[in-house]
Amino acid sequence: MVRIVTSESIPQDPYAVTLAALTQAPPHQRHAVKNLLPFSFTLPRLKELPLPEGKYYTVKDSEQAGLTCVIYSSGKRTFQVYRRLGGGGAPVRVTLGAVGDLPMKALKDKPSVRGMAAEIIAQIRAGTDPNLVRKEQQAQEREQAAADAVANITLGQAFEKCLEIQPVAPRTLVGYRLAMDRDLAPWKDKPLKEITGAMAVTRHAELAQAKTGNPARAMQVLRKVHRFASQFWGTEDNELPFGRCPVDKVNAVARSWAKTAPRTRKLGDGDIGPWLAAVRNLPQTQKRGDGLLAAHYLELMLLTGLRRREAAFLRWADVDLRRKVLTVRDTKNHTDHTLPITLRVEEILKERKAALAAAKELAERKPKPTNLAHAADLEQYVIGLEETRHQIATIRAETGILVSAHDLRRTWASLADKAGVGAYAIKAILNHKTTGDVTGTHYAQVDVDDMRRPMQQVENYILAKLAAARGENVIPLRPAREAA
């Protein structure tokens, strides 16, 4: 340990004594020099002090008790205040900044090292820990910055974040983007917090009067985005950072968009025969697209009650012809749904296999991009088709009957009830939740084997009774279409 040895031969200027002691000590021992005399701090003096090796040492100011400067081996020199809290508390160390950032003294209330030190020393004397005060201020500043950032989030930004965190099906995404880019376009760059209920009511009325937009979907998208944003950016202290959902006022003022009458359209008993005949005749009557594929698609939905996208994108990997079951992945209920394969559905699947073989043969014989893509789709999906507007228009022109893909699901449920299938079996086959129904949730459990008999029962009712009762000439499907 190196100590200062004072004598009459050594100058008694405190700075000179300190500098001499530090200079005489080896660099690796400068941090161990004790009893350094306080001296009046100036920037040149502090910059002249030698550097230690490996550690730091501290010098004290003689003008302000508690003001120190720490010299580090890296070359960094930092002003600090080191004092005990008023009333004999624990010592507090407060960093003021690097040497050279501010002047030691300043005129006209400008920031300076001694001015900052005086403020910090006064707080410590009063019993206040400046470090705690600074931490609280920094926390408040961070909270305010976060609040400001949230307040500036636009509808468009919240929409994209919503899609990132909560992805939707491709078809649904098309509708969402149309609503955002067309019906809600004036608000895309507007902060979400500034969109009020009155604005939503006005926009809803404008879209309804213009008849070029979709007011219901626009409000649904706005509500979804607003609720997501409130949950995502909301905190315990601010659960509604964007205020109340503006669509709530639309519900109160213009309820027509939210309370639409339930859809009831379906095939009547007398419609089954002519409609099915027209469906099976699509390979002959349909001039555009794949009539055979559309025929299989529509009949598959009629006989299974599957949703449009569930039937359209059923994968071959999820079809087990040996066990006679098929599984729909990630349904609307976010669960996998397994159904038995009935007799006619099995025939349709085998006909799809034949169509796949024909598509592969054509792709090998004529490797055009369209043929290759068609074969690739059929190899992955049983149907791979979702858009049937033209085929439905052809059927309507031939029979006068108009039904949508979802109407076929509703038709299956209605016919299942007429065929004597129990309500819990119908719910299970349609994959409807039984939330709130204690019996359905805990007792009336229906598995895939339990579904086989009622599904075949409904298929027989449709094909053997309703389709045949009208004396309709149901034309059998021809083999897969040959390429020209």
Protein backbone atom coordinates (compact mmCIF):
# COMPACT_ATOMS: atom_id res chain seq x y z
CA MET A 1 0.00 0.00 0.00
CA VAL A 2 1.40 3.41 -0.98
CA ARG A 3 0.89 6.35 1.43
CA ILE A 4 1.77 10.04 1.08
CA VAL A 5 4.83 11.09 3.01
CA THR A 6 4.80 14.84 3.65
CA SER A 7 7.94 16.84 4.45
CA GLU A 8 9.18 20.35 4.16
CA SER A 9 10.86 19.43 0.87
CA ILE A 10 7.51 18.55 -0.78
CA PRO A 11 5.33 21.45 -1.97
CA GLN A 12 2.27 21.79 0.21
CA ASP A 13 -0.19 22.75 -2.57
CA PRO A 14 -2.85 20.00 -2.19
CA TYR A 15 -3.04 19.38 -5.91
CA ALA A 16 0.74 19.20 -6.25
CA VAL A 17 0.91 16.77 -3.33
CA THR A 18 -1.76 14.56 -4.86
CA LEU A 19 -0.25 14.65 -8.33
CA ALA A 20 3.22 13.84 -6.96
CA ALA A 21 1.92 10.91 -4.92
CA LEU A 22 0.03 9.45 -7.86
CA THR A 23 2.88 10.01 -10.29
CA GLN A 24 5.45 8.42 -7.99
CA ALA A 25 3.30 5.34 -7.40
CA PRO A 26 3.55 2.53 -10.00
CA PRO A 27 0.48 2.49 -12.34
CA HIS A 28 -0.78 -0.81 -10.92
CA GLN A 29 -0.71 0.63 -7.36
CA ARG A 30 -2.27 4.03 -7.99
CA HIS A 31 -5.68 2.74 -6.95
CA ALA A 32 -4.15 1.89 -3.53
CA VAL A 33 -2.77 5.36 -2.75
CA LYS A 34 -4.51 6.51 0.46
CA ASN A 35 -5.16 9.85 2.17
CA LEU A 36 -5.04 11.89 -1.03
CA LEU A 37 -5.51 15.54 -0.17
CA PRO A 38 -8.63 17.31 -1.45
CA PHE A 39 -7.87 20.04 -3.98
CA SER A 40 -9.83 22.61 -5.94
CA PHE A 41 -11.20 20.92 -9.08
CA THR A 42 -10.51 22.43 -12.48
CA LEU A 43 -10.85 20.64 -15.80
CA PRO A 44 -7.14 20.92 -16.72
CA ARG A 45 -6.09 19.55 -13.35
CA LEU A 46 -8.43 16.58 -13.55
CA LYS A 47 -7.32 15.77 -17.08
CA GLU A 48 -3.69 15.85 -16.01
CA LEU A 49 -4.07 13.16 -13.36
CA PRO A 50 -2.38 9.86 -14.35
CA LEU A 51 -4.35 6.69 -15.12
CA PRO A 52 -4.27 3.56 -12.96
CA GLU A 53 -3.95 0.02 -14.27
CA GLY A 54 -6.77 -2.42 -13.77
CA LYS A 55 -8.81 -0.36 -11.27
CA TYR A 56 -9.86 3.20 -10.50
CA TYR A 57 -9.02 5.77 -7.83
CA THR A 58 -10.98 8.72 -6.45
CA VAL A 59 -9.98 12.32 -5.69
CA LYS A 60 -12.01 14.84 -3.66
CA ASP A 61 -12.85 18.49 -4.23
CA SER A 62 -11.86 20.97 -1.54
CA GLU A 63 -14.53 23.55 -2.39
CA GLN A 64 -17.66 21.32 -2.22
CA ALA A 65 -17.69 18.60 0.40
CA GLY A 66 -18.92 15.44 -1.30
CA LEU A 67 -17.90 16.29 -4.88
CA THR A 68 -15.46 13.67 -6.19
CA CYS A 69 -13.89 12.61 -9.47
CA VAL A 70 -13.26 8.96 -10.32
CA ILE A 71 -10.35 8.17 -12.66
CA TYR A 72 -10.69 4.82 -14.50
CA SER A 73 -8.00 2.78 -16.23
CA SER A 74 -9.96 3.10 -19.48
CA GLY A 75 -9.34 6.84 -19.48
CA LYS A 76 -12.85 7.74 -18.42
CA ARG A 77 -13.09 10.45 -15.72
CA THR A 78 -16.45 10.87 -14.01
CA PHE A 79 -17.84 13.42 -11.56
CA GLN A 80 -19.73 11.95 -8.61
CA VAL A 81 -21.28 13.14 -5.37
CA TYR A 82 -20.65 10.90 -2.37
CA ARG A 83 -22.43 11.93 0.86
CA ARG A 84 -24.40 10.40 3.68
CA LEU A 85 -28.11 11.03 3.76
CA GLY A 86 -29.27 13.66 6.21
CA GLY A 87 -29.80 12.33 9.71
CA GLY A 88 -26.91 9.87 9.57
CA GLY A 89 -28.25 7.57 6.88
CA ALA A 90 -26.30 5.33 4.53
CA PRO A 91 -23.90 6.97 2.02
CA VAL A 92 -25.25 7.77 -1.42
CA ARG A 93 -23.25 7.89 -4.64
CA VAL A 94 -24.70 9.97 -7.50
CA THR A 95 -23.03 10.20 -10.92
CA LEU A 96 -23.10 13.68 -12.49
CA GLY A 97 -21.41 13.01 -15.82
CA ALA A 98 -18.04 12.79 -17.55
CA VAL A 99 -15.28 15.34 -17.09
CA GLY A 100 -15.51 17.84 -19.93
CA ASP A 101 -19.23 17.45 -20.63
CA LEU A 102 -20.05 20.59 -18.62
CA PRO A 103 -17.95 23.51 -17.36
CA MET A 104 -17.02 23.57 -13.70
CA LYS A 105 -18.76 26.91 -13.25
CA ALA A 106 -21.21 28.72 -15.50
CA LEU A 107 -22.76 32.16 -15.74
CA LYS A 108 -26.43 33.13 -15.85
CA ASP A 109 -27.84 29.88 -14.46
CA LYS A 110 -26.35 27.74 -17.20
CA PRO A 111 -25.75 24.04 -16.35
CA SER A 112 -22.42 23.38 -14.65
CA VAL A 113 -20.74 20.68 -12.59
CA ARG A 114 -20.75 22.74 -9.38
CA GLY A 115 -24.36 23.80 -9.90
CA MET A 116 -25.50 20.17 -10.31
CA ALA A 117 -23.39 19.11 -7.34
CA ALA A 118 -24.95 21.82 -5.15
CA GLU A 119 -28.47 20.61 -6.01
CA ILE A 120 -27.61 16.97 -5.35
CA ILE A 121 -25.87 17.77 -2.05
CA ALA A 122 -28.89 19.81 -0.91
CA GLN A 123 -31.22 16.85 -1.62
CA ILE A 124 -28.97 14.46 0.29
CA ARG A 125 -28.79 16.81 3.27
CA ALA A 126 -32.61 16.90 3.28
CA GLY A 127 -32.71 13.10 3.44
CA THR A 128 -33.72 12.52 -0.21
CA ASP A 129 -31.91 9.91 -2.29
CA PRO A 130 -31.38 11.52 -5.75
CA ASN A 131 -30.89 8.10 -7.32
CA LEU A 132 -34.39 7.04 -6.29
CA VAL A 133 -35.80 10.34 -7.52
CA ARG A 134 -34.04 9.85 -10.87
CA LYS A 135 -35.34 6.29 -11.18
CA GLU A 136 -38.90 7.45 -10.52
CA GLN A 137 -38.54 10.21 -13.10
CA GLN A 138 -37.13 7.77 -15.66
CA ALA A 139 -39.96 5.34 -14.99
CA GLN A 140 -42.51 8.13 -15.47
CA GLU A 141 -40.77 9.21 -18.67
CA ARG A 142 -40.85 5.64 -20.00
CA GLU A 143 -44.53 5.32 -19.14
CA GLN A 144 -45.27 8.62 -20.83
CA ALA A 145 -43.27 7.64 -23.91
CA ALA A 146 -45.13 4.33 -24.10
CA ALA A 147 -48.46 6.12 -23.70
CA ASP A 148 -47.52 8.59 -26.44
CA ALA A 149 -46.50 5.73 -28.74
CA VAL A 150 -49.79 3.94 -28.15
CA ALA A 151 -51.75 7.14 -28.66
CA ASN A 152 -50.17 7.52 -32.11
CA ILE A 153 -50.93 3.96 -33.30
CA THR A 154 -53.05 4.22 -36.43
CA LEU A 155 -55.93 2.01 -37.51
CA GLY A 156 -53.76 0.59 -40.28
CA GLN A 157 -50.92 -0.27 -37.90
CA ALA A 158 -53.30 -1.92 -35.44
CA PHE A 159 -54.87 -3.88 -38.32
CA GLU A 160 -51.50 -5.27 -39.46
CA LYS A 161 -50.51 -6.15 -35.88
CA CYS A 162 -53.87 -7.90 -35.42
CA LEU A 163 -53.26 -10.04 -38.51
CA GLU A 164 -49.72 -10.80 -37.33
CA ILE A 165 -50.86 -12.02 -33.90
CA GLN A 166 -54.23 -13.49 -34.95
CA PRO A 167 -53.91 -14.85 -38.52
CA VAL A 168 -57.13 -15.50 -40.43
CA ALA A 169 -58.03 -17.80 -43.29
CA PRO A 170 -56.99 -16.58 -46.77
CA ARG A 171 -60.58 -16.08 -47.86
CA THR A 172 -61.40 -14.12 -44.72
CA LEU A 173 -58.27 -12.04 -45.21
CA VAL A 174 -59.50 -10.96 -48.65
CA GLY A 175 -62.68 -9.57 -47.09
CA TYR A 176 -60.80 -7.90 -44.25
CA ARG A 177 -58.39 -6.13 -46.59
CA LEU A 178 -61.22 -5.02 -48.85
CA ALA A 179 -62.97 -3.46 -45.87
CA MET A 180 -59.77 -1.76 -44.74
CA ASP A 181 -58.57 -0.55 -48.16
CA ARG A 182 -61.96 0.53 -49.46
CA ASP A 183 -64.57 1.09 -46.74
CA LEU A 184 -62.22 2.26 -43.97
CA ALA A 185 -59.55 3.79 -46.22
CA PRO A 186 -60.04 7.40 -44.91
CA TRP A 187 -59.10 6.20 -41.43
CA LYS A 188 -56.11 3.94 -42.16
CA ASP A 189 -53.56 6.62 -41.22
CA LYS A 190 -55.66 8.14 -38.45
CA PRO A 191 -54.72 7.35 -34.82
CA LEU A 192 -57.09 4.69 -33.55
CA LYS A 193 -57.72 6.78 -30.45
CA GLU A 194 -59.22 9.57 -32.58
CA ILE A 195 -61.89 7.39 -34.22
CA THR A 196 -65.06 8.14 -32.27
CA GLY A 197 -68.45 6.51 -32.08
CA ALA A 198 -70.04 9.42 -33.96
CA MET A 199 -67.55 8.96 -36.78
CA ALA A 200 -68.36 5.24 -36.96
CA VAL A 201 -72.11 5.90 -37.10
CA THR A 202 -71.61 8.45 -39.88
CA ARG A 203 -69.35 6.15 -41.88
CA HIS A 204 -71.76 3.26 -41.51
CA ALA A 205 -74.59 5.42 -42.86
CA GLU A 206 -72.43 6.64 -45.77
CA LEU A 207 -71.56 3.10 -46.82
CA ALA A 208 -75.19 2.00 -46.54
CA GLN A 209 -76.37 4.88 -48.73
CA ALA A 210 -73.59 4.54 -51.31
CA LYS A 211 -74.36 0.83 -51.83
CA THR A 212 -70.82 0.32 -53.09
CA GLY A 213 -69.31 -0.84 -49.82
CA ASN A 214 -70.14 -3.32 -47.11
CA PRO A 215 -71.10 -1.38 -43.96
CA ALA A 216 -71.58 -4.50 -41.84
CA ARG A 217 -68.19 -5.96 -42.67
CA ALA A 218 -66.48 -2.58 -42.28
CA MET A 219 -67.86 -2.23 -38.75
CA GLN A 220 -66.99 -5.85 -37.94
CA VAL A 221 -63.38 -5.28 -39.00
CA LEU A 222 -63.20 -2.00 -37.06
CA ARG A 223 -64.59 -3.71 -33.96
CA LYS A 224 -62.18 -6.64 -34.26
CA VAL A 225 -59.15 -4.38 -34.68
CA HIS A 226 -60.20 -2.04 -31.86
CA ARG A 227 -60.82 -4.87 -29.40
CA PHE A 228 -57.55 -6.56 -30.31
CA ALA A 229 -55.62 -3.30 -29.92
CA SER A 230 -57.19 -2.65 -26.51
CA GLN A 231 -56.19 -6.11 -25.31
CA PHE A 232 -52.72 -6.01 -26.87
CA TRP A 233 -51.66 -2.51 -25.79
CA GLY A 234 -53.88 -2.14 -22.75
CA THR A 235 -52.40 -2.28 -19.26
CA GLU A 236 -53.74 -2.68 -15.75
CA ASP A 237 -53.58 1.07 -15.33
CA ASN A 238 -55.10 1.80 -18.74
CA GLU A 239 -57.31 -1.02 -19.96
CA LEU A 240 -58.84 1.13 -22.70
CA PRO A 241 -55.92 3.06 -24.24
CA PHE A 242 -58.03 3.86 -27.31
CA GLY A 243 -61.27 4.61 -25.50
CA ARG A 244 -64.52 2.71 -25.94
CA CYS A 245 -65.01 0.78 -29.14
CA PRO A 246 -66.65 3.19 -31.62
CA VAL A 247 -68.79 0.36 -33.01
CA ASP A 248 -70.67 0.23 -29.69
CA LYS A 249 -72.41 3.43 -30.72
CA VAL A 250 -73.22 1.96 -34.12
CA ASN A 251 -74.92 -0.90 -32.31
CA ALA A 252 -76.98 1.57 -30.32
CA VAL A 253 -77.84 3.95 -33.17
CA ALA A 254 -77.96 1.73 -36.23
CA ARG A 255 -78.56 -1.84 -35.15
CA SER A 256 -79.57 -3.12 -38.57
CA TRP A 257 -76.02 -4.12 -39.51
CA ALA A 258 -75.46 -6.21 -36.40
CA LYS A 259 -78.89 -7.79 -36.04
CA THR A 260 -79.50 -9.33 -39.42
CA ALA A 261 -82.13 -12.00 -39.71
CA PRO A 262 -80.75 -15.54 -39.51
CA ARG A 263 -80.34 -17.16 -42.91
CA THR A 264 -82.77 -19.97 -43.51
CA ARG A 265 -82.37 -20.78 -47.20
CA LYS A 266 -81.95 -24.48 -47.94
CA LEU A 267 -83.05 -27.12 -50.38
CA GLY A 268 -86.63 -28.24 -49.94
CA ASP A 269 -87.58 -31.89 -50.14
CA GLY A 270 -88.87 -31.41 -53.67
CA ASP A 271 -85.69 -29.62 -54.73
CA ILE A 272 -83.29 -32.46 -53.95
CA GLY A 273 -83.98 -34.54 -57.08
CA PRO A 274 -83.76 -31.83 -59.75
CA TRP A 275 -80.89 -30.05 -57.99
CA LEU A 276 -78.81 -33.22 -57.65
CA ALA A 277 -79.53 -34.16 -61.27
CA ALA A 278 -78.26 -30.76 -62.40
CA VAL A 279 -75.18 -31.10 -60.20
CA ARG A 280 -74.29 -34.49 -61.62
CA ASN A 281 -74.88 -33.15 -65.11
CA LEU A 282 -72.31 -30.34 -64.67
CA PRO A 283 -69.58 -32.22 -66.59
CA GLN A 284 -71.83 -31.96 -69.69
CA THR A 285 -73.36 -28.51 -69.12
CA GLN A 286 -70.50 -26.55 -67.60
CA LYS A 287 -68.48 -24.84 -70.30
CA ARG A 288 -65.90 -23.18 -68.06
CA GLY A 289 -63.88 -24.76 -65.30
CA ASP A 290 -63.90 -28.37 -64.18
CA GLY A 291 -67.54 -29.46 -64.08
CA LEU A 292 -66.73 -32.87 -62.62
CA LEU A 293 -64.74 -31.31 -59.78
CA ALA A 294 -67.56 -28.88 -58.96
CA ALA A 295 -70.11 -31.71 -59.06
CA HIS A 296 -68.11 -33.76 -56.58
CA TYR A 297 -67.60 -30.70 -54.38
CA LEU A 298 -71.28 -29.75 -54.17
CA GLU A 299 -72.52 -33.30 -53.62
CA LEU A 300 -69.85 -33.91 -50.97
CA MET A 301 -71.13 -30.91 -48.98
CA LEU A 302 -74.75 -32.05 -49.36
CA LEU A 303 -73.95 -35.52 -48.01
CA THR A 304 -71.59 -34.55 -45.18
CA GLY A 305 -72.66 -31.12 -43.94
CA LEU A 306 -69.07 -29.91 -44.18
CA ARG A 307 -68.38 -26.21 -44.34
CA ARG A 308 -67.34 -24.75 -47.67
CA ARG A 309 -63.62 -24.48 -46.93
CA GLU A 310 -63.55 -27.73 -44.99
CA ALA A 311 -64.75 -29.62 -48.05
CA ALA A 312 -62.70 -27.55 -50.50
CA PHE A 313 -59.36 -28.14 -48.80
CA LEU A 314 -59.74 -31.65 -47.41
CA ARG A 315 -56.31 -33.28 -47.85
CA TRP A 316 -55.69 -36.76 -49.15
CA ALA A 317 -53.35 -37.23 -46.19
CA ASP A 318 -56.42 -36.94 -43.94
CA VAL A 319 -58.54 -39.47 -45.83
CA ASP A 320 -58.35 -43.10 -44.68
CA LEU A 321 -60.32 -45.25 -47.13
CA ARG A 322 -59.32 -48.42 -45.30
CA ARG A 323 -60.83 -47.27 -41.99
CA LYS A 324 -63.45 -45.24 -43.86
CA VAL A 325 -62.86 -41.98 -41.98
CA LEU A 326 -61.79 -38.48 -42.99
CA THR A 327 -60.42 -35.68 -40.81
CA VAL A 328 -60.83 -31.96 -41.30
CA ARG A 329 -57.97 -29.99 -39.75
CA ASP A 330 -58.17 -26.74 -37.81
CA THR A 331 -61.89 -26.17 -38.20
CA LYS A 332 -63.83 -23.06 -37.27
CA ASN A 333 -63.80 -24.37 -33.69
CA HIS A 334 -59.98 -24.60 -33.92
CA THR A 335 -60.13 -28.37 -33.48
CA ASP A 336 -59.69 -31.34 -35.80
CA HIS A 337 -62.97 -32.99 -36.80
CA THR A 338 -63.22 -36.64 -37.87
CA LEU A 339 -66.21 -38.04 -39.77
CA PRO A 340 -67.07 -41.52 -41.08
CA ILE A 341 -67.09 -42.07 -44.84
CA THR A 342 -70.52 -43.18 -46.10
CA LEU A 343 -71.15 -45.32 -49.18
CA ARG A 344 -71.76 -42.55 -51.71
CA VAL A 345 -69.00 -40.37 -50.22
CA GLU A 346 -66.63 -43.31 -50.66
CA GLU A 347 -67.63 -43.49 -54.34
CA ILE A 348 -66.95 -39.77 -54.73
CA LEU A 349 -63.50 -40.14 -53.13
CA LYS A 350 -62.65 -43.03 -55.43
CA GLU A 351 -63.79 -40.98 -58.42
CA ARG A 352 -61.52 -38.19 -57.20
CA LYS A 353 -58.65 -40.70 -57.11
CA ALA A 354 -59.41 -41.57 -60.72
CA ALA A 355 -59.46 -37.87 -61.62
CA LEU A 356 -56.08 -37.47 -59.91
CA ALA A 357 -54.62 -40.34 -61.94
CA ALA A 358 -55.97 -38.79 -65.16
CA ALA A 359 -54.51 -35.37 -64.21
CA LYS A 360 -51.10 -36.91 -63.55
CA GLU A 361 -51.17 -38.77 -66.86
CA LEU A 362 -52.05 -35.57 -68.69
CA ALA A 363 -49.29 -33.63 -66.89
CA GLU A 364 -46.74 -36.24 -67.97
CA ARG A 365 -48.02 -36.31 -71.53
CA LYS A 366 -48.45 -32.54 -71.84
CA PRO A 367 -46.27 -30.87 -69.18
CA LYS A 368 -47.80 -27.41 -69.52
CA PRO A 369 -47.69 -25.18 -66.41
CA THR A 370 -51.49 -25.33 -66.05
CA ASN A 371 -51.54 -29.13 -66.29
CA LEU A 372 -48.67 -29.48 -63.82
CA ALA A 373 -50.31 -27.09 -61.34
CA HIS A 374 -53.67 -28.85 -61.66
CA ALA A 375 -52.09 -32.23 -61.01
CA ALA A 376 -50.17 -30.86 -58.02
CA ASP A 377 -53.37 -29.44 -56.51
CA LEU A 378 -55.28 -32.68 -56.97
CA GLU A 379 -52.44 -34.66 -55.44
CA GLN A 380 -52.65 -32.56 -52.28
CA TYR A 381 -56.37 -31.81 -52.02
CA VAL A 382 -59.40 -34.03 -52.64
CA ILE A 383 -61.22 -31.05 -54.16
CA GLY A 384 -58.96 -28.00 -54.14
CA LEU A 385 -61.81 -25.84 -55.39
CA GLU A 386 -63.72 -23.18 -53.49
CA GLU A 387 -65.25 -20.82 -56.07
CA THR A 388 -68.42 -22.29 -57.62
CA ARG A 389 -70.37 -19.19 -58.65
CA HIS A 390 -70.48 -20.14 -62.32
CA GLN A 391 -71.55 -23.72 -61.58
CA ILE A 392 -74.26 -22.53 -59.18
CA ALA A 393 -75.46 -20.10 -61.86
CA THR A 394 -75.65 -22.98 -64.37
CA ILE A 395 -77.68 -25.07 -61.92
CA ARG A 396 -80.01 -22.15 -61.26
CA ALA A 397 -80.54 -21.54 -64.96
CA GLU A 398 -81.42 -25.23 -65.43
CA THR A 399 -83.62 -25.75 -62.36
CA GLY A 400 -84.55 -22.34 -61.00
CA ILE A 401 -83.06 -23.39 -57.64
CA LEU A 402 -80.51 -21.13 -55.96
CA VAL A 403 -78.51 -22.34 -52.97
CA SER A 404 -75.06 -21.43 -51.70
CA ALA A 405 -72.41 -23.74 -50.34
CA HIS A 406 -73.43 -22.97 -46.76
CA ASP A 407 -77.07 -23.56 -47.66
CA LEU A 408 -76.08 -27.18 -48.30
CA ARG A 409 -74.78 -27.48 -44.74
CA ARG A 410 -78.09 -26.08 -43.49
CA THR A 411 -79.92 -28.50 -45.79
CA TRP A 412 -78.03 -31.48 -44.34
CA ALA A 413 -78.96 -30.46 -40.78
CA SER A 414 -82.62 -30.08 -41.72
CA LEU A 415 -82.75 -33.43 -43.52
CA ALA A 416 -80.89 -35.16 -40.67
CA ASP A 417 -83.63 -34.01 -38.32
CA LYS A 418 -86.31 -35.32 -40.70
CA ALA A 419 -84.46 -38.62 -41.02
CA GLY A 420 -84.73 -39.08 -37.25
CA VAL A 421 -81.16 -38.32 -36.22
CA GLY A 422 -80.89 -37.07 -32.65
CA ALA A 423 -79.95 -33.49 -31.85
CA TYR A 424 -76.66 -34.38 -30.15
CA ALA A 425 -75.58 -36.53 -33.10
CA ILE A 426 -76.41 -33.67 -35.51
CA LYS A 427 -74.37 -31.26 -33.38
CA ALA A 428 -71.45 -33.66 -33.26
CA ILE A 429 -71.47 -34.29 -37.03
CA LEU A 430 -71.69 -30.57 -37.77
CA ASN A 431 -68.94 -29.93 -35.19
CA HIS A 432 -71.05 -27.44 -33.28
CA LYS A 433 -69.90 -26.60 -29.76
CA THR A 434 -72.04 -27.66 -26.81
CA THR A 435 -70.78 -24.89 -24.52
CA GLY A 436 -73.31 -24.25 -21.75
CA ASP A 437 -75.04 -27.58 -22.37
CA VAL A 438 -74.04 -29.79 -19.44
CA THR A 439 -75.60 -32.90 -20.99
CA GLY A 440 -73.90 -32.37 -24.34
CA THR A 441 -70.56 -31.45 -22.82
CA HIS A 442 -70.22 -34.13 -20.15
CA TYR A 443 -72.63 -36.97 -20.91
CA ALA A 444 -73.83 -37.23 -24.53
CA GLN A 445 -70.37 -37.91 -25.98
CA VAL A 446 -70.53 -38.85 -29.69
CA ASP A 447 -67.44 -40.37 -31.34
CA VAL A 448 -66.75 -41.20 -34.98
CA ASP A 449 -68.19 -44.72 -34.73
CA ASP A 450 -71.37 -43.31 -33.22
CA MET A 451 -71.67 -40.99 -36.24
CA ARG A 452 -71.43 -43.70 -38.89
CA ARG A 453 -74.98 -45.01 -38.65
CA PRO A 454 -76.75 -41.59 -38.54
CA MET A 455 -74.64 -40.24 -41.43
CA GLN A 456 -75.49 -43.23 -43.57
CA GLN A 457 -79.09 -42.84 -42.49
CA VAL A 458 -79.13 -39.24 -43.75
CA GLU A 459 -77.40 -40.19 -47.01
CA ASN A 460 -79.98 -42.92 -47.67
CA TYR A 461 -82.78 -40.47 -46.88
CA ILE A 462 -81.39 -37.96 -49.39
CA LEU A 463 -80.52 -40.33 -52.23
CA ALA A 464 -82.93 -43.25 -51.90
CA LYS A 465 -86.02 -41.34 -50.74
CA LEU A 466 -85.95 -37.68 -51.74
CA ALA A 467 -83.92 -37.85 -54.96
CA ALA A 468 -85.71 -40.99 -56.17
CA ALA A 469 -89.20 -40.03 -54.98
CA ARG A 470 -89.56 -37.37 -57.66
CA GLY A 471 -88.81 -39.84 -60.43
CA GLU A 472 -85.84 -37.75 -61.44
CA ASN A 473 -83.34 -39.17 -63.87
CA VAL A 474 -80.22 -38.64 -61.80
CA ILE A 475 -77.44 -38.87 -64.35
CA PRO A 476 -74.38 -40.79 -63.14
CA LEU A 477 -71.08 -38.95 -63.16
CA ARG A 478 -68.86 -39.74 -66.11
CA PRO A 479 -65.17 -40.57 -65.65
CA ALA A 480 -62.59 -37.82 -65.25
CA ARG A 481 -62.59 -35.34 -68.11
CA GLU A 482 -60.11 -36.16 -70.82
CA ALA A 483 -57.91 -33.43 -72.14
CA ALA A 484 -58.51 -32.25 -75.63
